[in-house]
């Protein structure tokens, strides 16, 4: 299964009854394993989770901590980009050179690096005890 196939499949299972905006994300870990996640909304809007966060949680739960590649897909006119919070979450497990492919359901894609999405990311070395 490709990252795109995994992201499309999990997107279909997203829980988005409030916004109707379903998102799927798939990560390839350094091992080559693929982990997927979808957005899960909650009636208390800030308590929902993003697709990228779900995929990261699945990866960490499996014992992995390094992302090699990212794919995000949603139903929008343009390829869907990770939100600001998810860019920061991704940077915890991926270097600035990691490719991030953003896509929409019509097949449009845009690939950038995580560093291009989140220049100057706040990182462990930014902390006092880095």
Protein backbone atom coordinates (compact mmCIF):
# COMPACT_ATOMS: atom_id res chain seq x y z
CA UNK A 1 0.00 0.00 0.00
CA UNK A 2 1.26 3.48 -0.87
CA UNK A 3 1.11 6.50 1.43
CA UNK A 4 -1.59 7.98 -0.77
CA UNK A 5 -3.70 4.81 -0.62
CA UNK A 6 -3.36 4.66 3.16
CA UNK A 7 -4.28 8.34 3.56
CA UNK A 8 -7.29 8.07 1.22
CA UNK A 9 -8.56 4.95 2.99
CA UNK A 10 -8.28 6.38 6.49
CA UNK A 11 -9.78 9.72 5.40
CA UNK A 12 -12.98 7.89 4.51
CA UNK A 13 -13.26 6.86 8.18
CA UNK A 14 -12.73 10.35 9.63
CA UNK A 15 -15.26 11.56 12.21
CA UNK A 16 -16.16 15.06 11.03
CA UNK A 17 -19.89 15.56 11.75
CA UNK A 18 -19.47 19.26 12.58
CA UNK A 19 -17.24 20.63 9.84
CA UNK A 20 -17.78 17.91 7.24
CA UNK A 21 -14.08 18.32 6.40
CA UNK A 22 -12.50 14.86 6.46
CA UNK A 23 -8.71 14.63 6.39
CA UNK A 24 -6.43 11.61 6.14
CA UNK A 25 -2.71 11.47 6.81
CA UNK A 26 -0.18 8.71 6.36
CA UNK A 27 3.42 8.64 7.56
CA UNK A 28 6.25 6.41 6.48
CA UNK A 29 8.51 5.73 9.43
CA UNK A 30 12.25 5.24 9.09
CA UNK A 31 11.61 1.47 9.19
CA UNK A 32 9.40 1.74 6.08
CA UNK A 33 6.21 0.97 8.00
CA UNK A 34 3.17 3.12 7.23
CA UNK A 35 0.99 4.66 9.94
CA UNK A 36 -2.28 6.43 9.17
CA UNK A 37 -4.63 8.73 11.02
CA UNK A 38 -7.81 10.70 10.38
CA UNK A 39 -9.31 13.75 12.01
CA UNK A 40 -11.73 13.09 14.85
CA UNK A 41 -14.01 15.99 15.78
CA UNK A 42 -15.76 16.49 19.07
CA UNK A 43 -18.77 18.64 19.96
CA UNK A 44 -16.32 20.66 22.07
CA UNK A 45 -14.41 21.82 18.97
CA UNK A 46 -10.96 22.41 20.46
CA UNK A 47 -10.94 18.86 21.81
CA UNK A 48 -10.83 17.16 18.42
CA UNK A 49 -7.68 15.72 16.88
CA UNK A 50 -6.06 16.20 13.52
CA UNK A 51 -5.24 13.41 11.09
CA UNK A 52 -1.50 14.00 11.42
CA UNK A 53 -1.70 13.76 15.21
CA UNK A 54 -3.52 10.42 14.91
CA UNK A 55 -0.89 9.04 12.52
CA UNK A 56 1.92 10.20 14.81
CA UNK A 57 0.21 8.59 17.81
CA UNK A 58 -0.11 5.29 15.92
CA UNK A 59 3.58 5.44 14.98
CA UNK A 60 4.71 6.15 18.53
CA UNK A 61 2.38 3.47 19.92
CA UNK A 62 4.11 0.99 17.60
CA UNK A 63 7.48 1.97 19.07
CA UNK A 64 8.77 4.19 16.28
CA UNK A 65 9.89 7.81 16.57
CA UNK A 66 11.27 8.86 13.19
CA UNK A 67 9.19 10.04 10.21
CA UNK A 68 10.69 9.64 6.74
CA UNK A 69 7.77 10.89 4.62
CA UNK A 70 4.30 12.44 5.04
CA UNK A 71 1.13 12.44 2.89
CA UNK A 72 -1.97 14.53 3.73
CA UNK A 73 -5.26 14.54 1.79
CA UNK A 74 -8.60 16.31 2.07
CA UNK A 75 -11.53 17.44 -0.05
CA UNK A 76 -10.58 21.00 -0.98
CA UNK A 77 -9.95 23.05 -4.09
CA UNK A 78 -6.20 23.05 -3.42
CA UNK A 79 -3.94 20.39 -1.89
CA UNK A 80 -4.52 20.31 1.89
CA UNK A 81 -1.64 21.47 4.10
CA UNK A 82 -1.08 20.44 7.71
CA UNK A 83 -2.27 23.06 10.20
CA UNK A 84 0.32 25.00 12.21
CA UNK A 85 0.02 22.74 15.23
CA UNK A 86 0.53 19.63 13.12
CA UNK A 87 3.55 21.16 11.42
CA UNK A 88 5.06 21.52 14.90
CA UNK A 89 4.00 17.96 15.82
CA UNK A 90 5.60 16.59 12.66
CA UNK A 91 8.82 18.48 13.39
CA UNK A 92 9.16 16.60 16.69
CA UNK A 93 9.69 13.37 14.72
CA UNK A 94 10.97 14.54 11.32
CA UNK A 95 13.85 16.65 10.12
CA UNK A 96 13.46 19.70 7.89
CA UNK A 97 14.41 17.64 4.81
CA UNK A 98 11.46 15.21 5.15
CA UNK A 99 9.12 15.38 2.14
CA UNK A 100 5.50 16.33 2.78
CA UNK A 101 3.00 15.68 0.00
CA UNK A 102 -0.26 17.58 0.21
CA UNK A 103 -3.18 16.46 -1.94
CA UNK A 104 -6.86 16.90 -2.67
CA UNK A 105 -9.39 14.32 -3.80
CA UNK A 106 -9.23 15.54 -7.40
CA UNK A 107 -5.62 14.37 -7.66
CA UNK A 108 -3.80 17.69 -7.32
CA UNK A 109 -0.63 17.40 -5.26
CA UNK A 110 2.09 19.67 -3.97
CA UNK A 111 5.30 18.41 -2.42
CA UNK A 112 7.49 20.47 -0.11
CA UNK A 113 9.87 19.72 2.71
CA UNK A 114 8.88 20.05 6.34
CA UNK A 115 11.47 22.83 6.62
CA UNK A 116 9.64 24.77 3.90
CA UNK A 117 6.34 24.28 5.75
CA UNK A 118 7.76 25.24 9.14
CA UNK A 119 10.92 27.33 8.90
CA UNK A 120 12.53 28.04 12.24
CA UNK A 121 10.65 25.25 14.02
CA UNK A 122 10.67 25.32 17.82
CA UNK A 123 12.77 22.30 18.78
CA UNK A 124 14.30 20.52 21.74
CA UNK A 125 17.44 22.64 21.34
CA UNK A 126 15.24 25.72 21.83
CA UNK A 127 14.51 24.65 25.41
CA UNK A 128 16.77 25.81 28.28
CA UNK A 129 18.05 22.27 28.86
CA UNK A 130 17.94 21.43 25.11
